[in-house]
Amino acid sequence: MQTIKPTAGLSRWIAWLCYTSVLLFGAYILADALFFAVFYIRSHGADVPFSSAMIMAVRSAVWLSPKLSVLIVAGLLVTALLSFFWLHRSRANLDALNVAGLNYSPGWCVGWWFIPVANLVMPYRVVSEIDRGSRWRDKWVEHGTPGLVTTWWLTYLFYGILLRGSQALAKDNKDLMLIAIGMEIVARVLAIIAALSFARLVLRVHEAQVGTPAEAPAANAAMLAEPA
């Protein structure tokens, strides 16, 4: 008999990392908005003298941006690592909960992320299956992919596409700097939506597996709960 493994700790850590990334992305958006305003004014030939406060703000943004980039990358790496553990454990719990008809093993729930091209689609399908299996158990095949999963995946994908596009534009043509900065701002807004969606998704799966669904045995809550 397979043992149900606790996911409370992992879920909380992932959620808090996602919320922290929202704050970091928000700070980056403010810095980018400031850069956008400065480039816009200068690119349109406006000889507007900047106040000392504006100059200080620009200097602060220039100093802060690289630090934010390092923190964001570090946070994404840690979040990704914990998410792989969470995916493996959450999927394994579905076997322990006797959910039938599942298509992806716990190992492949992680492995699909590392296969080029397939990782554009398969992680989305994996998370959809875990979410539906956790919430509806053996009736999961009767339900389509939840909107929260689709929102998370699309915003995550387009965040990466826009961010890489903005970096390529800024590198190849300085005349396109305004467009590049605008794309970067939109990319980070999408990143915020993706982070909030994933945090909610992780917590929702955990809550479902501990017995939120009406058909879930009450004993599951005690088996999955972790000591405070």
Protein backbone atom coordinates (compact mmCIF):
# COMPACT_ATOMS: atom_id res chain seq x y z
CA MET A 1 0.00 0.00 0.00
CA GLN A 2 1.40 3.37 -1.03
CA THR A 3 1.82 6.03 1.62
CA ILE A 4 0.42 9.51 1.20
CA LYS A 5 3.21 12.05 1.55
CA PRO A 6 2.70 15.50 3.13
CA THR A 7 2.80 18.54 0.85
CA ALA A 8 1.83 21.31 3.28
CA GLY A 9 5.38 22.55 3.83
CA LEU A 10 6.31 22.47 0.16
CA SER A 11 3.09 24.21 -0.82
CA ARG A 12 3.58 27.01 1.68
CA TRP A 13 7.20 27.60 0.65
CA ILE A 14 6.33 27.70 -3.04
CA ALA A 15 3.44 30.08 -2.39
CA TRP A 16 5.60 32.44 -0.36
CA LEU A 17 8.34 32.39 -3.00
CA CYS A 18 5.72 33.25 -5.61
CA TYR A 19 4.43 36.14 -3.50
CA THR A 20 8.00 37.39 -2.98
CA SER A 21 8.62 37.26 -6.73
CA VAL A 22 5.50 39.40 -7.23
CA LEU A 23 7.08 42.12 -5.07
CA LEU A 24 10.37 41.87 -6.96
CA PHE A 25 8.68 41.99 -10.35
CA GLY A 26 6.62 44.96 -9.16
CA ALA A 27 9.77 46.85 -8.18
CA TYR A 28 11.31 46.01 -11.56
CA ILE A 29 8.21 47.34 -13.35
CA LEU A 30 8.56 50.65 -11.52
CA ALA A 31 12.21 50.89 -12.55
CA ASP A 32 11.35 50.02 -16.16
CA ALA A 33 8.53 52.58 -16.19
CA LEU A 34 11.02 55.23 -15.08
CA PHE A 35 13.46 54.21 -17.82
CA PHE A 36 10.61 54.27 -20.35
CA ALA A 37 9.66 57.83 -19.36
CA VAL A 38 13.26 59.06 -19.65
CA PHE A 39 13.84 57.40 -23.03
CA TYR A 40 10.49 58.64 -24.31
CA ILE A 41 11.24 62.24 -23.38
CA ARG A 42 14.73 62.15 -24.88
CA SER A 43 13.75 60.22 -28.02
CA HIS A 44 11.10 62.85 -28.84
CA GLY A 45 13.63 65.63 -28.62
CA ALA A 46 12.13 67.26 -25.59
CA ASP A 47 14.78 69.28 -23.81
CA VAL A 48 13.14 69.01 -20.43
CA PRO A 49 15.42 69.55 -17.45
CA PHE A 50 15.06 66.80 -14.88
CA SER A 51 14.64 67.71 -11.26
CA SER A 52 17.15 66.53 -8.70
CA ALA A 53 14.55 64.08 -7.40
CA MET A 54 14.08 62.63 -10.89
CA ILE A 55 17.82 62.29 -11.39
CA MET A 56 18.13 60.56 -8.02
CA ALA A 57 15.29 58.21 -8.92
CA VAL A 58 16.93 57.28 -12.22
CA ARG A 59 20.27 56.65 -10.52
CA SER A 60 18.54 54.50 -7.90
CA ALA A 61 16.78 52.53 -10.63
CA VAL A 62 20.06 51.98 -12.48
CA TRP A 63 21.66 50.75 -9.26
CA LEU A 64 18.69 48.59 -8.26
CA SER A 65 17.89 46.85 -11.56
CA PRO A 66 20.89 44.44 -11.60
CA LYS A 67 20.25 43.50 -7.98
CA LEU A 68 16.60 42.78 -8.72
CA SER A 69 17.62 40.63 -11.68
CA VAL A 70 19.88 38.51 -9.48
CA LEU A 71 17.20 38.11 -6.80
CA ILE A 72 14.54 37.21 -9.38
CA VAL A 73 16.73 34.59 -11.05
CA ALA A 74 17.74 33.10 -7.69
CA GLY A 75 14.10 33.02 -6.59
CA LEU A 76 12.98 31.37 -9.82
CA LEU A 77 15.64 28.68 -9.48
CA VAL A 78 14.65 27.86 -5.90
CA THR A 79 10.96 27.92 -6.81
CA ALA A 80 11.59 25.59 -9.76
CA LEU A 81 13.50 23.13 -7.58
CA LEU A 82 10.81 23.02 -4.90
CA SER A 83 8.13 22.79 -7.58
CA PHE A 84 9.74 19.67 -9.02
CA PHE A 85 9.58 18.02 -5.59
CA TRP A 86 6.00 19.20 -5.22
CA LEU A 87 4.98 17.85 -8.63
CA HIS A 88 6.53 14.45 -7.93
CA ARG A 89 4.97 14.19 -4.48
CA SER A 90 1.54 15.51 -5.48
CA ARG A 91 1.35 13.10 -8.39
CA ALA A 92 2.48 10.16 -6.19
CA ASN A 93 -0.27 11.08 -3.73
CA LEU A 94 -2.87 10.51 -6.42
CA ASP A 95 -1.78 6.86 -6.61
CA ALA A 96 -2.09 6.60 -2.84
CA LEU A 97 -5.55 8.15 -3.11
CA ASN A 98 -6.47 5.47 -5.69
CA VAL A 99 -7.15 7.91 -8.51
CA ALA A 100 -7.50 5.84 -11.68
CA GLY A 101 -6.74 6.52 -15.34
CA LEU A 102 -3.77 8.84 -14.86
CA ASN A 103 -1.45 9.30 -17.84
CA TYR A 104 1.80 10.55 -16.32
CA SER A 105 4.02 8.92 -13.71
CA PRO A 106 5.56 10.97 -10.86
CA GLY A 107 8.93 10.79 -12.61
CA TRP A 108 7.61 12.07 -15.92
CA CYS A 109 5.79 14.91 -14.18
CA VAL A 110 9.27 16.31 -13.63
CA GLY A 111 11.02 14.83 -16.67
CA TRP A 112 8.82 16.56 -19.24
CA TRP A 113 10.23 19.93 -18.19
CA PHE A 114 13.65 18.97 -19.55
CA ILE A 115 12.63 17.76 -23.02
CA PRO A 116 12.87 20.53 -25.67
CA VAL A 117 9.67 21.38 -27.57
CA ALA A 118 7.66 18.92 -25.46
CA ASN A 119 8.23 21.20 -22.47
CA LEU A 120 6.06 23.79 -24.20
CA VAL A 121 2.99 21.61 -23.75
CA MET A 122 3.54 18.61 -21.50
CA PRO A 123 4.08 20.40 -18.15
CA TYR A 124 0.75 22.12 -18.74
CA ARG A 125 -0.95 18.76 -19.28
CA VAL A 126 0.80 17.25 -16.27
CA VAL A 127 -0.30 20.03 -13.91
CA SER A 128 -3.81 19.91 -15.34
CA GLU A 129 -4.00 16.20 -14.56
CA ILE A 130 -2.68 16.67 -11.03
CA ASP A 131 -5.12 19.49 -10.34
CA ARG A 132 -8.15 17.62 -11.72
CA GLY A 133 -7.14 14.34 -10.09
CA SER A 134 -6.75 16.04 -6.73
CA ARG A 135 -10.05 17.90 -6.91
CA TRP A 136 -12.32 15.32 -8.56
CA ARG A 137 -10.49 12.02 -7.99
CA ASP A 138 -11.86 9.26 -10.26
CA LYS A 139 -14.20 11.74 -11.96
CA TRP A 140 -11.27 13.88 -13.14
CA VAL A 141 -11.62 12.79 -16.79
CA GLU A 142 -15.09 14.33 -16.87
CA HIS A 143 -13.63 17.80 -16.32
CA GLY A 144 -11.66 19.96 -18.72
CA THR A 145 -8.49 21.80 -17.84
CA PRO A 146 -9.32 24.43 -15.19
CA GLY A 147 -8.99 28.07 -16.17
CA LEU A 148 -6.44 28.69 -13.44
CA VAL A 149 -4.05 26.15 -14.99
CA THR A 150 -4.47 27.68 -18.45
CA THR A 151 -3.93 31.20 -17.10
CA TRP A 152 -0.76 30.14 -15.29
CA TRP A 153 0.71 28.36 -18.30
CA LEU A 154 -0.09 31.00 -20.94
CA THR A 155 1.21 33.87 -18.83
CA TYR A 156 4.33 31.86 -17.99
CA LEU A 157 5.03 31.10 -21.68
CA PHE A 158 4.38 34.63 -22.95
CA TYR A 159 6.46 36.07 -20.12
CA GLY A 160 9.46 34.15 -21.41
CA ILE A 161 8.76 35.00 -25.05
CA LEU A 162 8.36 38.74 -24.43
CA LEU A 163 11.34 38.95 -22.10
CA ARG A 164 13.66 37.29 -24.62
CA GLY A 165 12.23 39.43 -27.40
CA SER A 166 12.82 42.63 -25.46
CA GLN A 167 16.40 41.64 -24.73
CA ALA A 168 17.05 40.88 -28.40
CA LEU A 169 15.58 44.22 -29.50
CA ALA A 170 17.58 46.24 -26.99
CA LYS A 171 20.78 44.43 -27.97
CA ASP A 172 20.43 44.70 -31.75
CA ASN A 173 18.98 48.19 -32.19
CA LYS A 174 19.15 51.02 -29.70
CA ASP A 175 16.47 52.86 -31.69
CA LEU A 176 14.03 50.17 -30.57
CA MET A 177 14.80 50.70 -26.89
CA LEU A 178 11.35 52.14 -26.16
CA ILE A 179 9.63 49.10 -27.65
CA ALA A 180 12.02 46.80 -25.79
CA ILE A 181 11.29 48.46 -22.45
CA GLY A 182 7.56 48.34 -23.13
CA MET A 183 7.76 44.63 -23.93
CA GLU A 184 9.73 44.05 -20.73
CA ILE A 185 7.09 45.81 -18.65
CA VAL A 186 4.32 43.69 -20.19
CA ALA A 187 6.44 40.55 -19.66
CA ARG A 188 6.83 41.29 -15.95
CA VAL A 189 3.12 41.99 -15.57
CA LEU A 190 2.50 38.54 -17.06
CA ALA A 191 5.09 37.11 -14.66
CA ILE A 192 3.13 38.53 -11.72
CA ILE A 193 -0.08 36.92 -12.99
CA ALA A 194 1.74 33.61 -13.53
CA ALA A 195 3.25 33.70 -10.01
CA LEU A 196 -0.07 34.45 -8.34
CA SER A 197 -1.82 31.77 -10.41
CA PHE A 198 0.79 29.14 -9.57
CA ALA A 199 0.71 29.98 -5.87
CA ARG A 200 -3.07 29.55 -5.83
CA LEU A 201 -2.81 26.37 -7.88
CA VAL A 202 -0.28 24.75 -5.55
CA LEU A 203 -2.32 25.60 -2.47
CA ARG A 204 -5.52 24.41 -4.13
CA VAL A 205 -4.03 21.02 -5.00
CA HIS A 206 -2.79 20.59 -1.44
CA GLU A 207 -6.16 21.57 0.01
CA ALA A 208 -7.93 19.13 -2.32
CA GLN A 209 -5.62 16.28 -1.42
CA VAL A 210 -6.11 16.75 2.31
CA GLY A 211 -9.82 16.27 1.92
CA THR A 212 -11.51 19.39 0.56
CA PRO A 213 -13.45 17.41 -2.09
CA ALA A 214 -16.66 15.91 -0.73
CA GLU A 215 -15.66 12.46 -1.94
CA ALA A 216 -12.27 12.55 -0.21
CA PRO A 217 -11.99 10.37 2.89
CA ALA A 218 -11.64 12.40 6.06
CA ALA A 219 -8.64 10.29 7.03
CA ASN A 220 -6.63 11.83 4.20
CA ALA A 221 -6.36 15.11 6.08
CA ALA A 222 -4.59 13.48 9.00
CA MET A 223 -2.29 11.50 6.69
CA LEU A 224 -1.22 14.57 4.71
CA ALA A 225 -1.06 17.13 7.50
CA GLU A 226 2.30 18.22 8.82
CA PRO A 227 3.10 19.29 12.35
CA ALA A 228 3.36 23.04 12.81
